[in-house]
Structures are given as C-alpha cells and as structure tokens.
Amino acid sequence: MSKITRSTFDRQYEHIANIRHGVATGPFRIEFPAPVKADENAAKIFQGSVVSLDANGEYIAGCPAGSAVNCPVPFISLKNVFDPDVTTGYNSGDNWTKRSTFSAQGGKITAIPATAGYEMETTEFDTTATYAPNDALVAGTGDNLGKVVKATSGLGSESILGFVSLAPSTDEHGNKRLAFFTAFVPAAGAADESTSN
C-alpha cells in the first residue's frame, strides 16, 4: 500500500501579515471586514497582500490609482483567500453577520488600512528590489499585483501605502519579510469630469 501524502500547495505559514507595533488584537485594532470580489484576481489575495475596496465595497487585489476626488485606500490583508474560514464560513445575511469583524462568514476577509498607525511586516512584496529604511512603498501591478513594491516616482505621482522601517529579513520558517510603517499618501489624480464646470 502506498503512503498517503499531501500534494504541494500554498501553506498558511508561507504568507504572513504581522503587526509589529500597534494594537495587534481585535476588537481594538483598526481592521475592516468586507467580502472579496469573485474575479480572476481573487486567488492572488494572500495574508500580507495589498487589497482595496472597489465601488461596491468588495476587496480586490491591488489598489488602483483613483482620481482627485476618489482615492482607493490600500489595505494589507490579514487572510489568505484560501483560508478555510474564508472559503467555507457561514454567511447567514443577518445583521449580526454584516456587522461582525470575524472573517468566518464565508467569502469575507479582514484587512488593515494604510491610514492606521502601524508598523507591519509582510511576505507579499517584490523580492527583486533592494529596500532601505524610509523607502516609499506602493501597490504593485501586473505580475506584482497584490504585492508591496518600491516606489519608482516622486511623491504625488504614485499612491504611497507606507515607508520601509526595516530591510527584508528571513523568519524562522524561511520566509522573507519586509517591515514598513503604514502611511497613505494619495497620488495627485486628475480631476473628475463630473465635477468640472
């Protein structure tokens, strides 16, 4: 009889979002629960990924630039989209469920906004870049969608989600983590035509 073995797949410990400084436990930390938009990029959401709310109040991977009057806020996900409480949680639709900060409601995750005063660590960043303290960080696009990446332009041209506090280091599981202070600085977006005279 052959051994029963697990196939290779993402493990929960391979994706980390850790609050190094700030209130780390609910209900006191600043976190926001919302459903995940069921699209082709939903599978790119890991613990530590950059997510944002779309116009329907659903989390999407990454954070689009927005406009002068509508600035999507970058968040750091505290859940993998494949976590059991996200994929199989119970969603009754009652008022308590809608108000709950627990993600075990089925299809819902919690995330920390970059507007909150935290120092965070994430495994979900562009590992090809070199980081130094005070480097500005932004939400990645393309192949880096959902990842934290180093800013390439000056303030005002990209939406900043934080600033590096510690260069990447390796944890006890062999994961590389990048530490940063959350700080949301929106890009100077173009004015919306609907508001111009």
N, C-alpha and C. Protein backbone atom coordinates (compact mmCIF):
# COMPACT_ATOMS: atom_id res chain seq x y z
N MET A 1 0.84 -1.18 0.00
CA MET A 1 0.00 0.00 0.00
C MET A 1 0.89 1.24 0.00
N SER A 2 0.59 2.20 -0.88
CA SER A 2 1.39 3.42 -0.96
C SER A 2 1.05 4.37 0.17
N LYS A 3 2.01 5.22 0.49
CA LYS A 3 1.78 6.21 1.54
C LYS A 3 0.75 7.24 1.09
N ILE A 4 0.01 7.71 2.04
CA ILE A 4 -0.91 8.80 1.75
C ILE A 4 -0.17 10.09 2.03
N THR A 5 0.03 10.88 1.00
CA THR A 5 0.76 12.13 1.16
C THR A 5 -0.05 13.30 0.63
N ARG A 6 0.26 14.46 1.14
CA ARG A 6 -0.40 15.66 0.65
C ARG A 6 0.30 16.15 -0.61
N SER A 7 -0.46 16.69 -1.51
CA SER A 7 0.13 17.30 -2.69
C SER A 7 0.68 18.68 -2.30
N THR A 8 1.55 19.21 -3.13
CA THR A 8 2.14 20.51 -2.86
C THR A 8 1.13 21.61 -3.11
N PHE A 9 0.97 22.49 -2.15
CA PHE A 9 0.08 23.65 -2.32
C PHE A 9 0.51 24.71 -1.32
N ASP A 10 -0.03 25.91 -1.46
CA ASP A 10 0.33 27.01 -0.55
C ASP A 10 -0.04 26.66 0.87
N ARG A 11 0.88 26.89 1.78
CA ARG A 11 0.65 26.68 3.21
C ARG A 11 0.36 28.02 3.86
N GLN A 12 -0.43 28.00 4.93
CA GLN A 12 -0.77 29.25 5.60
C GLN A 12 0.47 29.95 6.15
N TYR A 13 1.46 29.21 6.63
CA TYR A 13 2.64 29.84 7.23
C TYR A 13 3.55 30.49 6.20
N GLU A 14 3.31 30.27 4.91
CA GLU A 14 4.15 30.86 3.87
C GLU A 14 3.75 32.30 3.55
N HIS A 15 2.61 32.74 4.04
CA HIS A 15 2.11 34.09 3.77
C HIS A 15 1.83 34.76 5.10
N ILE A 16 2.55 35.86 5.37
CA ILE A 16 2.50 36.49 6.68
C ILE A 16 2.11 37.96 6.57
N ALA A 17 1.19 38.38 7.41
CA ALA A 17 0.92 39.79 7.68
C ALA A 17 0.99 39.92 9.19
N ASN A 18 2.01 40.59 9.67
CA ASN A 18 2.26 40.67 11.10
C ASN A 18 2.29 42.13 11.53
N ILE A 19 1.56 42.45 12.60
CA ILE A 19 1.61 43.79 13.16
C ILE A 19 2.73 43.83 14.18
N ARG A 20 3.85 44.49 13.83
CA ARG A 20 5.00 44.59 14.73
C ARG A 20 4.73 45.57 15.86
N HIS A 21 4.13 46.70 15.55
CA HIS A 21 3.81 47.72 16.55
C HIS A 21 2.44 48.30 16.24
N GLY A 22 1.66 48.52 17.29
CA GLY A 22 0.27 48.94 17.15
C GLY A 22 -0.59 47.91 17.85
N VAL A 23 -1.86 48.18 18.01
CA VAL A 23 -2.75 47.23 18.68
C VAL A 23 -2.96 46.04 17.76
N ALA A 24 -2.51 44.87 18.19
CA ALA A 24 -2.46 43.71 17.30
C ALA A 24 -3.68 42.79 17.38
N THR A 25 -4.56 42.99 18.36
CA THR A 25 -5.68 42.07 18.51
C THR A 25 -7.02 42.78 18.43
N GLY A 26 -7.99 42.11 17.81
CA GLY A 26 -9.35 42.63 17.77
C GLY A 26 -9.99 42.48 19.12
N PRO A 27 -11.02 43.27 19.44
CA PRO A 27 -11.67 44.23 18.54
C PRO A 27 -11.05 45.61 18.57
N PHE A 28 -9.85 45.75 19.12
CA PHE A 28 -9.27 47.08 19.31
C PHE A 28 -8.43 47.55 18.14
N ARG A 29 -7.88 46.63 17.33
CA ARG A 29 -7.09 47.08 16.19
C ARG A 29 -8.03 47.65 15.13
N ILE A 30 -7.46 48.48 14.28
CA ILE A 30 -8.25 49.08 13.20
C ILE A 30 -8.23 48.12 12.03
N GLU A 31 -9.30 47.39 11.87
CA GLU A 31 -9.40 46.45 10.76
C GLU A 31 -10.77 46.61 10.12
N PHE A 32 -10.89 46.15 8.89
CA PHE A 32 -12.15 46.32 8.18
C PHE A 32 -12.52 45.02 7.49
N PRO A 33 -13.67 44.43 7.84
CA PRO A 33 -14.12 43.21 7.17
C PRO A 33 -14.96 43.55 5.94
N ALA A 34 -14.76 42.82 4.87
CA ALA A 34 -15.56 43.01 3.66
C ALA A 34 -15.46 41.75 2.80
N PRO A 35 -16.45 41.52 1.95
CA PRO A 35 -16.37 40.36 1.06
C PRO A 35 -15.32 40.57 -0.03
N VAL A 36 -14.82 39.47 -0.57
CA VAL A 36 -13.86 39.50 -1.67
C VAL A 36 -14.63 39.42 -2.99
N LYS A 37 -14.27 40.29 -3.92
CA LYS A 37 -14.90 40.24 -5.25
C LYS A 37 -14.47 38.96 -5.95
N ALA A 38 -15.42 38.20 -6.43
CA ALA A 38 -15.14 36.92 -7.10
C ALA A 38 -14.76 37.19 -8.55
N ASP A 39 -13.47 37.48 -8.79
CA ASP A 39 -12.98 37.67 -10.15
C ASP A 39 -11.70 36.87 -10.35
N GLU A 40 -11.06 37.03 -11.52
CA GLU A 40 -9.88 36.22 -11.83
C GLU A 40 -8.67 36.54 -10.96
N ASN A 41 -8.68 37.68 -10.28
CA ASN A 41 -7.54 38.06 -9.44
C ASN A 41 -7.75 37.73 -7.96
N ALA A 42 -8.90 37.20 -7.60
CA ALA A 42 -9.18 36.91 -6.19
C ALA A 42 -8.17 35.92 -5.61
N ALA A 43 -7.71 34.97 -6.40
CA ALA A 43 -6.76 33.95 -5.93
C ALA A 43 -5.39 34.54 -5.60
N LYS A 44 -5.14 35.80 -5.98
CA LYS A 44 -3.86 36.45 -5.69
C LYS A 44 -3.84 37.10 -4.30
N ILE A 45 -4.94 36.99 -3.56
CA ILE A 45 -5.00 37.61 -2.24
C ILE A 45 -4.50 36.62 -1.19
N PHE A 46 -3.38 36.97 -0.59
CA PHE A 46 -2.78 36.19 0.49
C PHE A 46 -2.72 37.05 1.74
N GLN A 47 -2.45 36.43 2.88
CA GLN A 47 -2.18 37.19 4.08
C GLN A 47 -0.94 38.04 3.79
N GLY A 48 -1.05 39.34 3.92
CA GLY A 48 0.04 40.24 3.60
C GLY A 48 -0.10 40.93 2.26
N SER A 49 -1.09 40.54 1.45
CA SER A 49 -1.30 41.16 0.15
C SER A 49 -1.91 42.56 0.28
N VAL A 50 -1.63 43.38 -0.72
CA VAL A 50 -2.29 44.69 -0.82
C VAL A 50 -3.65 44.47 -1.46
N VAL A 51 -4.69 44.97 -0.81
CA VAL A 51 -6.04 44.92 -1.34
C VAL A 51 -6.67 46.31 -1.19
N SER A 52 -7.79 46.52 -1.85
CA SER A 52 -8.53 47.77 -1.71
C SER A 52 -10.00 47.50 -1.98
N LEU A 53 -10.83 48.44 -1.58
CA LEU A 53 -12.26 48.30 -1.80
C LEU A 53 -12.64 48.88 -3.16
N ASP A 54 -13.48 48.14 -3.90
CA ASP A 54 -13.98 48.69 -5.16
C ASP A 54 -15.24 49.52 -4.88
N ALA A 55 -15.89 49.99 -5.92
CA ALA A 55 -17.06 50.86 -5.77
C ALA A 55 -18.23 50.15 -5.10
N ASN A 56 -18.21 48.81 -5.08
CA ASN A 56 -19.27 48.04 -4.44
C ASN A 56 -18.92 47.63 -3.01
N GLY A 57 -17.77 48.10 -2.50
CA GLY A 57 -17.37 47.75 -1.14
C GLY A 57 -16.82 46.35 -1.01
N GLU A 58 -16.30 45.80 -2.11
CA GLU A 58 -15.69 44.47 -2.08
C GLU A 58 -14.18 44.59 -2.25
N TYR A 59 -13.44 43.72 -1.57
CA TYR A 59 -11.99 43.74 -1.69
C TYR A 59 -11.55 43.19 -3.04
N ILE A 60 -10.59 43.88 -3.65
CA ILE A 60 -9.95 43.42 -4.87
C ILE A 60 -8.44 43.39 -4.62
N ALA A 61 -7.72 42.59 -5.39
CA ALA A 61 -6.26 42.56 -5.27
C ALA A 61 -5.69 43.86 -5.81
N GLY A 62 -4.68 44.40 -5.12
CA GLY A 62 -4.04 45.63 -5.56
C GLY A 62 -4.82 46.87 -5.14
N CYS A 63 -4.37 48.01 -5.66
CA CYS A 63 -5.00 49.29 -5.32
C CYS A 63 -4.86 50.23 -6.51
N PRO A 64 -5.95 50.47 -7.25
CA PRO A 64 -5.87 51.37 -8.41
C PRO A 64 -5.60 52.81 -7.99
N ALA A 65 -5.16 53.62 -8.94
CA ALA A 65 -4.74 55.00 -8.65
C ALA A 65 -5.89 55.89 -8.19
N GLY A 66 -7.06 55.75 -8.74
CA GLY A 66 -8.17 56.62 -8.37
C GLY A 66 -8.11 57.95 -9.07
N SER A 67 -8.84 58.92 -8.53
CA SER A 67 -8.90 60.26 -9.12
C SER A 67 -8.73 61.29 -8.02
N ALA A 68 -8.87 62.55 -8.39
CA ALA A 68 -8.69 63.63 -7.41
C ALA A 68 -9.73 63.58 -6.30
N VAL A 69 -10.91 63.06 -6.60
CA VAL A 69 -11.98 63.06 -5.60
C VAL A 69 -12.38 61.67 -5.13
N ASN A 70 -11.71 60.64 -5.63
CA ASN A 70 -11.99 59.28 -5.18
C ASN A 70 -10.66 58.54 -5.12
N CYS A 71 -10.16 58.33 -3.90
CA CYS A 71 -8.83 57.75 -3.70
C CYS A 71 -8.94 56.40 -3.00
N PRO A 72 -8.88 55.28 -3.74
CA PRO A 72 -8.91 53.97 -3.09
C PRO A 72 -7.80 53.86 -2.05
N VAL A 73 -8.16 53.38 -0.86
CA VAL A 73 -7.21 53.24 0.24
C VAL A 73 -6.58 51.84 0.18
N PRO A 74 -5.25 51.74 0.21
CA PRO A 74 -4.63 50.42 0.26
C PRO A 74 -4.76 49.79 1.65
N PHE A 75 -5.02 48.51 1.69
CA PHE A 75 -5.11 47.71 2.91
C PHE A 75 -4.11 46.58 2.81
N ILE A 76 -3.75 46.00 3.96
CA ILE A 76 -2.95 44.78 4.00
C ILE A 76 -3.86 43.67 4.53
N SER A 77 -4.07 42.63 3.72
CA SER A 77 -4.97 41.55 4.08
C SER A 77 -4.41 40.74 5.26
N LEU A 78 -5.29 40.37 6.18
CA LEU A 78 -4.92 39.50 7.29
C LEU A 78 -5.33 38.06 7.02
N LYS A 79 -5.81 37.79 5.81
CA LYS A 79 -6.27 36.45 5.47
C LYS A 79 -5.77 36.03 4.10
N ASN A 80 -5.56 34.73 3.94
CA ASN A 80 -5.39 34.13 2.62
C ASN A 80 -6.79 33.88 2.07
N VAL A 81 -6.99 34.09 0.79
CA VAL A 81 -8.32 33.86 0.23
C VAL A 81 -8.68 32.37 0.30
N PHE A 82 -7.66 31.51 0.47
CA PHE A 82 -7.93 30.06 0.54
C PHE A 82 -8.10 29.57 1.97
N ASP A 83 -8.02 30.44 2.98
CA ASP A 83 -8.21 30.00 4.36
C ASP A 83 -9.59 29.38 4.54
N PRO A 84 -9.71 28.31 5.33
CA PRO A 84 -10.99 27.63 5.49
C PRO A 84 -12.13 28.53 5.97
N ASP A 85 -11.83 29.49 6.88
CA ASP A 85 -12.93 30.34 7.34
C ASP A 85 -13.40 31.31 6.28
N VAL A 86 -12.56 31.56 5.27
CA VAL A 86 -12.98 32.43 4.16
C VAL A 86 -13.74 31.62 3.12
N THR A 87 -13.27 30.41 2.82
CA THR A 87 -13.89 29.63 1.75
C THR A 87 -15.14 28.88 2.19
N THR A 88 -15.22 28.53 3.48
CA THR A 88 -16.35 27.71 3.91
C THR A 88 -17.16 28.31 5.05
N GLY A 89 -16.83 29.54 5.43
CA GLY A 89 -17.55 30.16 6.54
C GLY A 89 -19.03 30.30 6.25
N TYR A 90 -19.78 30.49 7.31
CA TYR A 90 -21.23 30.60 7.20
C TYR A 90 -21.63 32.05 7.02
N ASN A 91 -22.44 32.33 6.02
CA ASN A 91 -22.92 33.69 5.78
C ASN A 91 -24.43 33.67 5.78
N SER A 92 -25.01 34.04 6.92
CA SER A 92 -26.46 33.96 7.05
C SER A 92 -27.16 35.20 6.51
N GLY A 93 -26.40 36.30 6.36
CA GLY A 93 -27.02 37.53 5.84
C GLY A 93 -27.74 38.34 6.89
N ASP A 94 -27.71 37.88 8.16
CA ASP A 94 -28.41 38.65 9.19
C ASP A 94 -27.58 39.87 9.60
N ASN A 95 -28.17 40.75 10.40
CA ASN A 95 -27.50 41.99 10.77
C ASN A 95 -26.23 41.75 11.57
N TRP A 96 -26.21 40.75 12.47
CA TRP A 96 -25.01 40.49 13.26
C TRP A 96 -23.85 40.10 12.35
N THR A 97 -24.14 39.25 11.36
CA THR A 97 -23.10 38.81 10.44
C THR A 97 -22.54 39.99 9.67
N LYS A 98 -23.39 40.90 9.23
CA LYS A 98 -22.93 42.05 8.44
C LYS A 98 -22.05 42.97 9.27
N ARG A 99 -22.30 43.05 10.57
CA ARG A 99 -21.53 43.94 11.44
C ARG A 99 -20.29 43.27 12.02
N SER A 100 -20.19 41.97 11.92
CA SER A 100 -19.12 41.23 12.59
C SER A 100 -17.75 41.56 12.04
N THR A 101 -16.75 41.58 12.92
CA THR A 101 -15.37 41.74 12.48
C THR A 101 -14.70 40.39 12.25
N PHE A 102 -15.43 39.32 12.45
CA PHE A 102 -14.87 37.99 12.20
C PHE A 102 -14.95 37.67 10.72
N SER A 103 -13.90 37.03 10.20
CA SER A 103 -13.91 36.70 8.77
C SER A 103 -14.59 35.37 8.50
N ALA A 104 -14.95 34.64 9.55
CA ALA A 104 -15.54 33.31 9.34
C ALA A 104 -17.00 33.40 8.92
N GLN A 105 -17.23 34.19 7.90
CA GLN A 105 -18.60 34.39 7.43
C GLN A 105 -18.78 33.90 5.99
N GLY A 106 -17.72 33.39 5.39
CA GLY A 106 -17.80 32.89 4.03
C GLY A 106 -17.57 34.00 3.02
N GLY A 107 -16.45 33.97 2.32
CA GLY A 107 -16.16 34.95 1.28
C GLY A 107 -15.71 36.29 1.80
N LYS A 108 -15.53 36.43 3.11
CA LYS A 108 -15.16 37.71 3.71
C LYS A 108 -13.77 37.62 4.32
N ILE A 109 -12.97 38.69 4.16
CA ILE A 109 -11.67 38.78 4.80
C ILE A 109 -11.61 40.05 5.65
N THR A 110 -10.61 40.13 6.51
CA THR A 110 -10.35 41.36 7.24
C THR A 110 -9.00 41.90 6.77
N ALA A 111 -8.85 43.22 6.81
CA ALA A 111 -7.61 43.85 6.36
C ALA A 111 -7.37 45.12 7.16
N ILE A 112 -6.10 45.51 7.23
CA ILE A 112 -5.67 46.70 7.96
C ILE A 112 -5.44 47.83 6.97
N PRO A 113 -6.09 49.00 7.15
CA PRO A 113 -5.90 50.11 6.21
C PRO A 113 -4.56 50.80 6.42
N ALA A 114 -4.00 51.31 5.33
CA ALA A 114 -2.74 52.04 5.40
C ALA A 114 -2.91 53.40 6.08
N THR A 115 -4.14 53.77 6.41
CA THR A 115 -4.39 55.02 7.13
C THR A 115 -4.18 54.84 8.63
N ALA A 116 -4.01 53.59 9.09
CA ALA A 116 -3.87 53.31 10.52
C ALA A 116 -2.40 53.42 10.93
N GLY A 117 -2.17 53.70 12.22
CA GLY A 117 -0.81 53.88 12.72
C GLY A 117 -0.16 52.57 13.13
N TYR A 118 0.39 51.84 12.17
CA TYR A 118 1.02 50.55 12.45
C TYR A 118 2.40 50.44 11.83
N GLU A 119 3.22 49.59 12.42
CA GLU A 119 4.38 49.05 11.72
C GLU A 119 4.01 47.61 11.42
N MET A 120 4.05 47.24 10.16
CA MET A 120 3.63 45.91 9.73
C MET A 120 4.76 45.18 9.05
N GLU A 121 4.61 43.87 8.96
CA GLU A 121 5.50 43.02 8.18
C GLU A 121 4.67 42.25 7.17
N THR A 122 5.23 42.03 6.00
CA THR A 122 4.54 41.23 5.01
C THR A 122 5.54 40.36 4.25
N THR A 123 5.06 39.20 3.84
CA THR A 123 5.84 38.33 2.96
C THR A 123 5.52 38.61 1.50
N GLU A 124 4.48 39.38 1.27
CA GLU A 124 3.99 39.62 -0.09
C GLU A 124 4.56 40.92 -0.63
N PHE A 125 5.82 40.86 -1.08
CA PHE A 125 6.48 42.04 -1.63
C PHE A 125 7.40 41.62 -2.76
N ASP A 126 7.80 42.59 -3.56
CA ASP A 126 8.71 42.33 -4.68
C ASP A 126 10.10 42.04 -4.13
N THR A 127 10.51 40.78 -4.18
CA THR A 127 11.78 40.37 -3.59
C THR A 127 12.98 40.69 -4.48
N THR A 128 12.73 41.19 -5.71
CA THR A 128 13.84 41.51 -6.60
C THR A 128 14.40 42.90 -6.34
N ALA A 129 13.67 43.73 -5.60
CA ALA A 129 14.11 45.10 -5.32
C ALA A 129 14.98 45.15 -4.07
N THR A 130 15.75 46.21 -3.94
CA THR A 130 16.56 46.47 -2.76
C THR A 130 15.86 47.55 -1.93
N TYR A 131 15.69 47.30 -0.64
CA TYR A 131 14.94 48.21 0.22
C TYR A 131 15.84 48.77 1.32
N ALA A 132 15.63 50.03 1.64
CA ALA A 132 16.34 50.68 2.73
C ALA A 132 15.32 51.42 3.59
N PRO A 133 15.60 51.65 4.88
CA PRO A 133 14.68 52.42 5.71
C PRO A 133 14.30 53.74 5.03
N ASN A 134 13.04 54.09 5.15
CA ASN A 134 12.43 55.31 4.60
C ASN A 134 12.06 55.22 3.13
N ASP A 135 12.37 54.12 2.43
CA ASP A 135 11.93 53.98 1.04
C ASP A 135 10.40 53.96 1.01
N ALA A 136 9.84 54.71 0.06
CA ALA A 136 8.38 54.74 -0.11
C ALA A 136 7.92 53.46 -0.79
N LEU A 137 6.74 52.96 -0.39
CA LEU A 137 6.18 51.73 -0.92
C LEU A 137 4.83 52.00 -1.56
N VAL A 138 4.52 51.25 -2.62
CA VAL A 138 3.26 51.39 -3.33
C VAL A 138 2.69 50.00 -3.61
N ALA A 139 1.47 49.95 -4.12
CA ALA A 139 0.84 48.69 -4.51
C ALA A 139 1.33 48.28 -5.89
N GLY A 140 1.75 47.03 -6.02
CA GLY A 140 2.24 46.53 -7.30
C GLY A 140 1.13 46.33 -8.31
N THR A 141 1.52 46.25 -9.57
CA THR A 141 0.59 45.99 -10.67
C THR A 141 1.18 44.87 -11.53
N GLY A 142 0.45 44.44 -12.53
CA GLY A 142 0.94 43.40 -13.45
C GLY A 142 1.30 42.12 -12.71
N ASP A 143 2.52 41.63 -12.91
CA ASP A 143 2.97 40.40 -12.25
C ASP A 143 3.08 40.57 -10.74
N ASN A 144 3.17 41.80 -10.27
CA ASN A 144 3.26 42.09 -8.83
C ASN A 144 1.93 42.53 -8.23
N LEU A 145 0.83 42.27 -8.92
CA LEU A 145 -0.48 42.65 -8.41
C LEU A 145 -0.71 42.04 -7.04
N GLY A 146 -1.09 42.87 -6.09
CA GLY A 146 -1.33 42.40 -4.73
C GLY A 146 -0.10 42.43 -3.85
N LYS A 147 1.05 42.81 -4.41
CA LYS A 147 2.28 42.85 -3.63
C LYS A 147 2.66 44.29 -3.30
N VAL A 148 3.45 44.43 -2.23
CA VAL A 148 4.05 45.71 -1.88
C VAL A 148 5.30 45.86 -2.73
N VAL A 149 5.47 47.00 -3.40
CA VAL A 149 6.66 47.24 -4.21
C VAL A 149 7.25 48.60 -3.88
N LYS A 150 8.50 48.78 -4.24
CA LYS A 150 9.20 50.05 -4.01
C LYS A 150 8.69 51.09 -5.00
N ALA A 151 8.46 52.31 -4.49
CA ALA A 151 8.01 53.40 -5.37
C ALA A 151 9.10 53.72 -6.38
N THR A 152 8.68 54.13 -7.56
CA THR A 152 9.65 54.47 -8.61
C THR A 152 9.61 55.95 -8.97
N SER A 153 8.59 56.67 -8.51
CA SER A 153 8.45 58.09 -8.83
C SER A 153 8.37 58.88 -7.54
N GLY A 154 8.39 60.19 -7.68
CA GLY A 154 8.31 61.06 -6.51
C GLY A 154 6.93 61.10 -5.90
N LEU A 155 6.83 61.64 -4.68
CA LEU A 155 5.54 61.79 -4.01
C LEU A 155 4.59 62.59 -4.89
N GLY A 156 3.36 62.14 -4.93
CA GLY A 156 2.35 62.81 -5.73
C GLY A 156 2.05 62.10 -7.03
N SER A 157 3.02 61.33 -7.54
CA SER A 157 2.79 60.62 -8.80
C SER A 157 2.30 59.19 -8.59
N GLU A 158 2.55 58.63 -7.40
CA GLU A 158 2.08 57.28 -7.05
C GLU A 158 1.42 57.35 -5.68
N SER A 159 0.41 56.50 -5.45
CA SER A 159 -0.21 56.43 -4.14
C SER A 159 0.67 55.62 -3.20
N ILE A 160 1.18 56.27 -2.16
CA ILE A 160 2.06 55.64 -1.20
C ILE A 160 1.24 54.89 -0.16
N LEU A 161 1.65 53.68 0.21
CA LEU A 161 0.96 52.94 1.27
C LEU A 161 1.79 52.82 2.54
N GLY A 162 3.07 53.20 2.46
CA GLY A 162 3.91 53.13 3.65
C GLY A 162 5.36 53.42 3.35
N PHE A 163 6.18 53.36 4.41
CA PHE A 163 7.61 53.63 4.30
C PHE A 163 8.37 52.53 5.04
N VAL A 164 9.42 52.02 4.42
CA VAL A 164 10.21 50.91 4.98
C VAL A 164 10.75 51.29 6.35
N SER A 165 10.58 50.39 7.33
CA SER A 165 11.18 50.58 8.65
C SER A 165 12.41 49.70 8.81
N LEU A 166 12.33 48.46 8.31
CA LEU A 166 13.45 47.53 8.36
C LEU A 166 13.60 46.84 7.01
N ALA A 167 14.84 46.68 6.56
CA ALA A 167 15.08 45.96 5.32
C ALA A 167 14.60 44.51 5.46
N PRO A 168 14.31 43.82 4.36
CA PRO A 168 13.82 42.44 4.44
C PRO A 168 14.74 41.52 5.23
N SER A 169 14.13 40.65 6.01
CA SER A 169 14.87 39.65 6.78
C SER A 169 14.13 38.32 6.70
N THR A 170 14.81 37.24 7.06
CA THR A 170 14.24 35.90 6.98
C THR A 170 13.74 35.46 8.35
N ASP A 171 12.50 34.93 8.39
CA ASP A 171 11.94 34.47 9.66
C ASP A 171 12.27 33.00 9.92
N GLU A 172 11.72 32.46 11.00
CA GLU A 172 12.04 31.09 11.40
C GLU A 172 11.53 30.03 10.44
N HIS A 173 10.61 30.40 9.52
CA HIS A 173 10.08 29.45 8.54
C HIS A 173 10.80 29.58 7.20
N GLY A 174 11.78 30.47 7.13
CA GLY A 174 12.48 30.69 5.86
C GLY A 174 11.79 31.69 4.96
N ASN A 175 10.75 32.37 5.46
CA ASN A 175 10.05 33.39 4.68
C ASN A 175 10.76 34.73 4.81
N LYS A 176 10.87 35.46 3.71
CA LYS A 176 11.41 36.82 3.78
C LYS A 176 10.27 37.78 4.09
N ARG A 177 10.51 38.68 5.06
CA ARG A 177 9.51 39.66 5.47
C ARG A 177 10.06 41.07 5.30
N LEU A 178 9.20 41.96 4.83
CA LEU A 178 9.52 43.38 4.73
C LEU A 178 8.71 44.13 5.77
N ALA A 179 9.36 44.98 6.57
CA ALA A 179 8.66 45.76 7.60
C ALA A 179 8.50 47.20 7.13
N PHE A 180 7.33 47.78 7.42
CA PHE A 180 7.07 49.15 7.00
C PHE A 180 6.05 49.82 7.91
N PHE A 181 6.12 51.16 7.93
CA PHE A 181 5.13 51.96 8.64
C PHE A 181 4.01 52.27 7.66
N THR A 182 2.76 52.01 8.05
CA THR A 182 1.64 52.35 7.17
C THR A 182 1.46 53.86 7.13
N ALA A 183 1.26 54.38 5.94
CA ALA A 183 1.03 55.81 5.74
C ALA A 183 0.47 56.00 4.34
N PHE A 184 -0.78 56.43 4.25
CA PHE A 184 -1.43 56.58 2.95
C PHE A 184 -1.26 58.01 2.45
N VAL A 185 -0.56 58.15 1.32
CA VAL A 185 -0.38 59.45 0.68
C VAL A 185 -0.92 59.29 -0.75
N PRO A 186 -2.16 59.75 -1.01
CA PRO A 186 -2.75 59.56 -2.34
C PRO A 186 -1.95 60.27 -3.44
N ALA A 187 -1.98 59.70 -4.62
CA ALA A 187 -1.40 60.36 -5.79
C ALA A 187 -2.26 61.55 -6.17
N ALA A 188 -1.66 62.52 -6.81
CA ALA A 188 -2.41 63.68 -7.29
C ALA A 188 -3.14 63.26 -8.55
N GLY A 189 -4.38 62.80 -8.41
CA GLY A 189 -5.15 62.29 -9.54
C GLY A 189 -5.74 63.41 -10.37
N ALA A 190 -6.13 63.05 -11.60
CA ALA A 190 -6.79 64.02 -12.47
C ALA A 190 -8.18 64.31 -11.95
N ALA A 191 -8.66 65.52 -12.17
CA ALA A 191 -9.99 65.91 -11.72
C ALA A 191 -11.05 65.10 -12.46
N ASP A 192 -12.10 64.73 -11.77
CA ASP A 192 -13.22 64.03 -12.40
C ASP A 192 -13.99 64.98 -13.30
N GLU A 193 -14.35 64.52 -14.50
CA GLU A 193 -15.10 65.36 -15.41
C GLU A 193 -16.46 65.73 -14.84
N SER A 194 -17.02 64.84 -14.00
CA SER A 194 -18.36 65.08 -13.45
C SER A 194 -18.37 66.26 -12.51
N THR A 195 -17.19 66.66 -11.96
CA THR A 195 -17.14 67.75 -11.01
C THR A 195 -16.61 69.04 -11.62
N SER A 196 -16.16 68.98 -12.89
CA SER A 196 -15.62 70.20 -13.52
C SER A 196 -16.75 71.04 -14.11
N ASN A 197 -16.49 72.34 -14.20
CA ASN A 197 -17.51 73.26 -14.74
C ASN A 197 -17.32 73.47 -16.22
